[in-house]
C-alpha atoms as a PDB file:
ATOM      1  CA  UNK A   1     114.081  97.488  93.132  1.00  0.00           C
ATOM      2  CA  UNK A   2     116.110  99.218  90.490  1.00  0.00           C
ATOM      3  CA  UNK A   3     116.096 102.969  90.049  1.00  0.00           C
ATOM      4  CA  UNK A   4     114.029 103.999  87.015  1.00  0.00           C
ATOM      5  CA  UNK A   5     116.024 105.533  84.175  1.00  0.00           C
ATOM      6  CA  UNK A   6     114.685 108.333  82.077  1.00  0.00           C
ATOM      7  CA  UNK A   7     114.387 107.864  78.332  1.00  0.00           C
ATOM      8  CA  UNK A   8     113.175 110.316  75.722  1.00  0.00           C
ATOM      9  CA  UNK A   9     111.129 109.181  72.755  1.00  0.00           C
ATOM     10  CA  UNK A  10     109.729 110.952  69.729  1.00  0.00           C
ATOM     11  CA  UNK A  11     106.124 110.270  68.748  1.00  0.00           C
ATOM     12  CA  UNK A  12     104.314 110.999  65.518  1.00  0.00           C
ATOM     13  CA  UNK A  13     100.935 112.750  65.762  1.00  0.00           C
ATOM     14  CA  UNK A  14      98.888 109.535  65.562  1.00  0.00           C
ATOM     15  CA  UNK A  15     100.915 107.779  68.288  1.00  0.00           C
ATOM     16  CA  UNK A  16     100.819 110.871  70.493  1.00  0.00           C
ATOM     17  CA  UNK A  17      97.013 110.927  70.201  1.00  0.00           C
ATOM     18  CA  UNK A  18      96.889 107.255  71.228  1.00  0.00           C
ATOM     19  CA  UNK A  19      99.109 107.974  74.236  1.00  0.00           C
ATOM     20  CA  UNK A  20      96.859 110.876  75.258  1.00  0.00           C
ATOM     21  CA  UNK A  21      93.792 108.608  75.050  1.00  0.00           C
ATOM     22  CA  UNK A  22      95.500 105.928  77.139  1.00  0.00           C
ATOM     23  CA  UNK A  23      96.515 108.432  79.827  1.00  0.00           C
ATOM     24  CA  UNK A  24      93.213 110.339  79.923  1.00  0.00           C
ATOM     25  CA  UNK A  25      92.061 108.222  82.867  1.00  0.00           C
ATOM     26  CA  UNK A  26      94.957 109.393  85.014  1.00  0.00           C
ATOM     27  CA  UNK A  27      97.522 106.671  84.343  1.00  0.00           C
ATOM     28  CA  UNK A  28     101.008 108.066  83.850  1.00  0.00           C
ATOM     29  CA  UNK A  29     102.643 108.094  80.437  1.00  0.00           C
ATOM     30  CA  UNK A  30     105.559 106.125  81.876  1.00  0.00           C
ATOM     31  CA  UNK A  31     103.291 103.370  83.142  1.00  0.00           C
ATOM     32  CA  UNK A  32     101.399 103.145  79.834  1.00  0.00           C
ATOM     33  CA  UNK A  33     104.666 102.850  77.912  1.00  0.00           C
ATOM     34  CA  UNK A  34     106.057 100.249  80.361  1.00  0.00           C
ATOM     35  CA  UNK A  35     102.901  98.135  79.969  1.00  0.00           C
ATOM     36  CA  UNK A  36     102.982  98.550  76.181  1.00  0.00           C
ATOM     37  CA  UNK A  37     106.600  97.424  76.013  1.00  0.00           C
ATOM     38  CA  UNK A  38     105.887  94.357  78.154  1.00  0.00           C
ATOM     39  CA  UNK A  39     102.937  93.467  75.949  1.00  0.00           C
ATOM     40  CA  UNK A  40     104.995  94.055  72.821  1.00  0.00           C
ATOM     41  CA  UNK A  41     107.670  91.772  74.251  1.00  0.00           C
ATOM     42  CA  UNK A  42     105.125  88.983  74.827  1.00  0.00           C
ATOM     43  CA  UNK A  43     103.552  89.365  71.398  1.00  0.00           C
ATOM     44  CA  UNK A  44     106.949  89.784  69.794  1.00  0.00           C
ATOM     45  CA  UNK A  45     107.571  86.096  70.519  1.00  0.00           C
ATOM     46  CA  UNK A  46     104.469  85.193  68.538  1.00  0.00           C
ATOM     47  CA  UNK A  47     104.465  84.621  64.826  1.00  0.00           C
ATOM     48  CA  UNK A  48     102.260  86.749  62.587  1.00  0.00           C
ATOM     49  CA  UNK A  49      99.836  83.845  62.043  1.00  0.00           C
ATOM     50  CA  UNK A  50      99.393  83.553  65.843  1.00  0.00           C
ATOM     51  CA  UNK A  51      98.657  87.257  66.161  1.00  0.00           C
ATOM     52  CA  UNK A  52      96.205  87.055  63.247  1.00  0.00           C
ATOM     53  CA  UNK A  53      94.488  84.126  64.956  1.00  0.00           C
ATOM     54  CA  UNK A  54      94.227  86.055  68.251  1.00  0.00           C
ATOM     55  CA  UNK A  55      92.717  88.979  66.336  1.00  0.00           C
ATOM     56  CA  UNK A  56      90.057  86.677  64.847  1.00  0.00           C
ATOM     57  CA  UNK A  57      89.245  85.264  68.303  1.00  0.00           C
ATOM     58  CA  UNK A  58      88.981  88.770  69.718  1.00  0.00           C
ATOM     59  CA  UNK A  59      86.688  89.939  66.927  1.00  0.00           C
ATOM     60  CA  UNK A  60      84.426  86.900  67.339  1.00  0.00           C
ATOM     61  CA  UNK A  61      84.226  87.132  71.133  1.00  0.00           C
ATOM     62  CA  UNK A  62      83.782  90.881  71.464  1.00  0.00           C
ATOM     63  CA  UNK A  63      80.609  90.740  69.361  1.00  0.00           C
ATOM     64  CA  UNK A  64      79.013  88.432  71.930  1.00  0.00           C
ATOM     65  CA  UNK A  65      77.753  85.940  69.348  1.00  0.00           C
ATOM     66  CA  UNK A  66      80.461  83.323  69.970  1.00  0.00           C
ATOM     67  CA  UNK A  67      81.692  81.478  73.026  1.00  0.00           C
ATOM     68  CA  UNK A  68      84.679  79.373  73.995  1.00  0.00           C
ATOM     69  CA  UNK A  69      83.377  75.926  74.816  1.00  0.00           C
ATOM     70  CA  UNK A  70      85.356  73.193  76.523  1.00  0.00           C
ATOM     71  CA  UNK A  71      86.021  70.293  74.159  1.00  0.00           C
ATOM     72  CA  UNK A  72      84.456  67.799  76.600  1.00  0.00           C
ATOM     73  CA  UNK A  73      81.209  69.785  76.633  1.00  0.00           C
ATOM     74  CA  UNK A  74      81.215  70.047  72.844  1.00  0.00           C
ATOM     75  CA  UNK A  75      81.697  66.284  72.463  1.00  0.00           C
ATOM     76  CA  UNK A  76      78.839  65.551  74.869  1.00  0.00           C
ATOM     77  CA  UNK A  77      76.531  67.894  72.941  1.00  0.00           C
ATOM     78  CA  UNK A  78      77.533  66.380  69.594  1.00  0.00           C
ATOM     79  CA  UNK A  79      76.942  62.859  70.888  1.00  0.00           C
ATOM     80  CA  UNK A  80      73.490  63.863  72.115  1.00  0.00           C
ATOM     81  CA  UNK A  81      72.756  65.512  68.741  1.00  0.00           C
ATOM     82  CA  UNK A  82      73.840  62.434  66.781  1.00  0.00           C
ATOM     83  CA  UNK A  83      71.898  60.099  69.090  1.00  0.00           C
ATOM     84  CA  UNK A  84      74.864  58.152  70.501  1.00  0.00           C
ATOM     85  CA  UNK A  85      74.221  59.650  73.946  1.00  0.00           C
ATOM     86  CA  UNK A  86      70.821  60.086  75.560  1.00  0.00           C
ATOM     87  CA  UNK A  87      69.788  63.660  76.426  1.00  0.00           C
ATOM     88  CA  UNK A  88      69.033  62.388  79.923  1.00  0.00           C
ATOM     89  CA  UNK A  89      72.788  61.819  80.367  1.00  0.00           C
ATOM     90  CA  UNK A  90      73.551  65.518  79.934  1.00  0.00           C
ATOM     91  CA  UNK A  91      73.297  66.532  83.620  1.00  0.00           C
ATOM     92  CA  UNK A  92      75.626  63.800  84.901  1.00  0.00           C
ATOM     93  CA  UNK A  93      78.116  64.404  82.081  1.00  0.00           C
ATOM     94  CA  UNK A  94      78.061  68.167  82.689  1.00  0.00           C
ATOM     95  CA  UNK A  95      78.743  67.656  86.401  1.00  0.00           C
ATOM     96  CA  UNK A  96      81.586  65.278  85.580  1.00  0.00           C
ATOM     97  CA  UNK A  97      83.224  67.878  83.328  1.00  0.00           C
ATOM     98  CA  UNK A  98      82.839  70.454  86.130  1.00  0.00           C
ATOM     99  CA  UNK A  99      84.516  68.107  88.617  1.00  0.00           C
ATOM    100  CA  UNK A 100      87.407  67.644  86.196  1.00  0.00           C
ATOM    101  CA  UNK A 101      87.704  71.413  85.850  1.00  0.00           C
ATOM    102  CA  UNK A 102      87.764  71.757  89.643  1.00  0.00           C
ATOM    103  CA  UNK A 103      90.926  69.637  89.618  1.00  0.00           C
ATOM    104  CA  UNK A 104      92.433  71.884  86.933  1.00  0.00           C
ATOM    105  CA  UNK A 105      91.469  75.008  88.918  1.00  0.00           C
ATOM    106  CA  UNK A 106      92.844  73.706  92.216  1.00  0.00           C
ATOM    107  CA  UNK A 107      94.798  76.451  93.951  1.00  0.00           C
ATOM    108  CA  UNK A 108      92.996  79.231  92.099  1.00  0.00           C
ATOM    109  CA  UNK A 109      90.828  81.742  93.923  1.00  0.00           C
ATOM    110  CA  UNK A 110      87.116  81.861  92.984  1.00  0.00           C
ATOM    111  CA  UNK A 111      87.640  85.275  91.369  1.00  0.00           C
ATOM    112  CA  UNK A 112      90.314  83.788  89.083  1.00  0.00           C
ATOM    113  CA  UNK A 113      88.042  80.874  88.149  1.00  0.00           C
ATOM    114  CA  UNK A 114      85.146  83.211  87.378  1.00  0.00           C
ATOM    115  CA  UNK A 115      87.406  85.470  85.294  1.00  0.00           C
ATOM    116  CA  UNK A 116      88.463  82.442  83.241  1.00  0.00           C
ATOM    117  CA  UNK A 117      84.841  81.416  82.713  1.00  0.00           C
ATOM    118  CA  UNK A 118      83.876  84.991  81.842  1.00  0.00           C
ATOM    119  CA  UNK A 119      86.580  84.954  79.166  1.00  0.00           C
ATOM    120  CA  UNK A 120      84.606  82.125  77.525  1.00  0.00           C
ATOM    121  CA  UNK A 121      81.987  84.797  76.776  1.00  0.00           C
ATOM    122  CA  UNK A 122      79.161  82.977  78.563  1.00  0.00           C
ATOM    123  CA  UNK A 123      78.393  85.876  80.929  1.00  0.00           C
ATOM    124  CA  UNK A 124      79.541  89.301  82.052  1.00  0.00           C
ATOM    125  CA  UNK A 125      80.806  89.608  85.595  1.00  0.00           C
ATOM    126  CA  UNK A 126      80.990  92.476  88.035  1.00  0.00           C
ATOM    127  CA  UNK A 127      81.912  92.628  91.681  1.00  0.00           C
ATOM    128  CA  UNK A 128      79.378  93.675  94.275  1.00  0.00           C
ATOM    129  CA  UNK A 129      79.911  94.463  97.945  1.00  0.00           C
ATOM    130  CA  UNK A 130      78.894  90.879  98.785  1.00  0.00           C
ATOM    131  CA  UNK A 131      80.615  88.983  95.990  1.00  0.00           C
ATOM    132  CA  UNK A 132      80.072  88.629  92.277  1.00  0.00           C
ATOM    133  CA  UNK A 133      77.208  89.272  89.883  1.00  0.00           C
ATOM    134  CA  UNK A 134      77.093  87.166  86.708  1.00  0.00           C
ATOM    135  CA  UNK A 135      74.810  88.524  83.980  1.00  0.00           C
ATOM    136  CA  UNK A 136      73.515  86.224  81.239  1.00  0.00           C
ATOM    137  CA  UNK A 137      71.965  86.615  77.815  1.00  0.00           C
ATOM    138  CA  UNK A 138      69.728  83.548  78.099  1.00  0.00           C
ATOM    139  CA  UNK A 139      68.219  81.295  80.781  1.00  0.00           C
ATOM    140  CA  UNK A 140      69.801  78.225  79.154  1.00  0.00           C
ATOM    141  CA  UNK A 141      73.311  79.607  79.501  1.00  0.00           C
ATOM    142  CA  UNK A 142      72.525  80.723  83.052  1.00  0.00           C
ATOM    143  CA  UNK A 143      71.475  77.146  84.003  1.00  0.00           C
ATOM    144  CA  UNK A 144      74.581  75.729  82.290  1.00  0.00           C
ATOM    145  CA  UNK A 145      76.943  78.084  84.139  1.00  0.00           C
ATOM    146  CA  UNK A 146      75.077  77.788  87.452  1.00  0.00           C
ATOM    147  CA  UNK A 147      75.538  74.014  87.518  1.00  0.00           C
ATOM    148  CA  UNK A 148      79.139  74.346  86.367  1.00  0.00           C
ATOM    149  CA  UNK A 149      80.068  76.939  89.025  1.00  0.00           C
ATOM    150  CA  UNK A 150      78.253  75.029  91.789  1.00  0.00           C
ATOM    151  CA  UNK A 151      80.063  71.794  90.964  1.00  0.00           C
ATOM    152  CA  UNK A 152      83.455  73.469  90.673  1.00  0.00           C
ATOM    153  CA  UNK A 153      83.083  75.239  94.026  1.00  0.00           C
ATOM    154  CA  UNK A 154      81.726  72.111  95.743  1.00  0.00           C
ATOM    155  CA  UNK A 155      84.578  70.010  94.376  1.00  0.00           C
ATOM    156  CA  UNK A 156      87.003  72.696  95.538  1.00  0.00           C
ATOM    157  CA  UNK A 157      85.371  72.471  98.983  1.00  0.00           C
ATOM    158  CA  UNK A 158      84.443  76.152  99.026  1.00  0.00           C
ATOM    159  CA  UNK A 159      81.430  77.394 100.955  1.00  0.00           C
ATOM    160  CA  UNK A 160      79.292  79.702  98.883  1.00  0.00           C
ATOM    161  CA  UNK A 161      75.849  81.176  98.526  1.00  0.00           C
ATOM    162  CA  UNK A 162      74.234  81.457  95.107  1.00  0.00           C
ATOM    163  CA  UNK A 163      71.129  83.541  94.533  1.00  0.00           C
ATOM    164  CA  UNK A 164      69.312  83.473  91.244  1.00  0.00           C
ATOM    165  CA  UNK A 165      67.597  86.440  89.602  1.00  0.00           C
ATOM    166  CA  UNK A 166      65.860  86.477  86.235  1.00  0.00           C
ATOM    167  CA  UNK A 167      69.013  87.191  84.204  1.00  0.00           C
ATOM    168  CA  UNK A 168      71.671  87.074  86.937  1.00  0.00           C
ATOM    169  CA  UNK A 169      73.416  84.898  89.451  1.00  0.00           C
ATOM    170  CA  UNK A 170      74.690  86.505  92.620  1.00  0.00           C
ATOM    171  CA  UNK A 171      77.584  84.574  94.102  1.00  0.00           C
ATOM    172  CA  UNK A 172      78.939  85.100  97.583  1.00  0.00           C
ATOM    173  CA  UNK A 173      82.014  83.147  98.699  1.00  0.00           C
ATOM    174  CA  UNK A 174      81.697  82.311 102.392  1.00  0.00           C
ATOM    175  CA  UNK A 175      85.059  80.655 102.987  1.00  0.00           C
END
């Protein structure tokens, strides 16, 4: 590990206020600035149109009214809506998409998989002493995610316990 070097910077009042807000939780100023520089480096490689697009995604997702939906799921739903696929085929198609995702997620820990699914804005997740709690805004989305998570974990050959509450799923990974 290299020895950290000291650097002095000058901040205007607005930037200093931002730094104070970011360090109010106890994180050091040095760490906040290191993280900011790394993030700036990543975003610096993006073009303005990409950053604008990310901002739109963020605004849509943070409001909770939009979700990120896998293209395979969207196509199945559209085919059902247009009558080229029977609604009775939904369950099998949904499971098939989940199995395909299990292949894509191979090597990932359940927590990483759940974090990816949470980023789709379908639920909010928290950790409990026994595992994970997924909180949903509707029973339909809860059923959708429950089947999806069950199939992914089964395909990944993970032992788990899933308990269902009115608006929540409680997931415990056993192995």
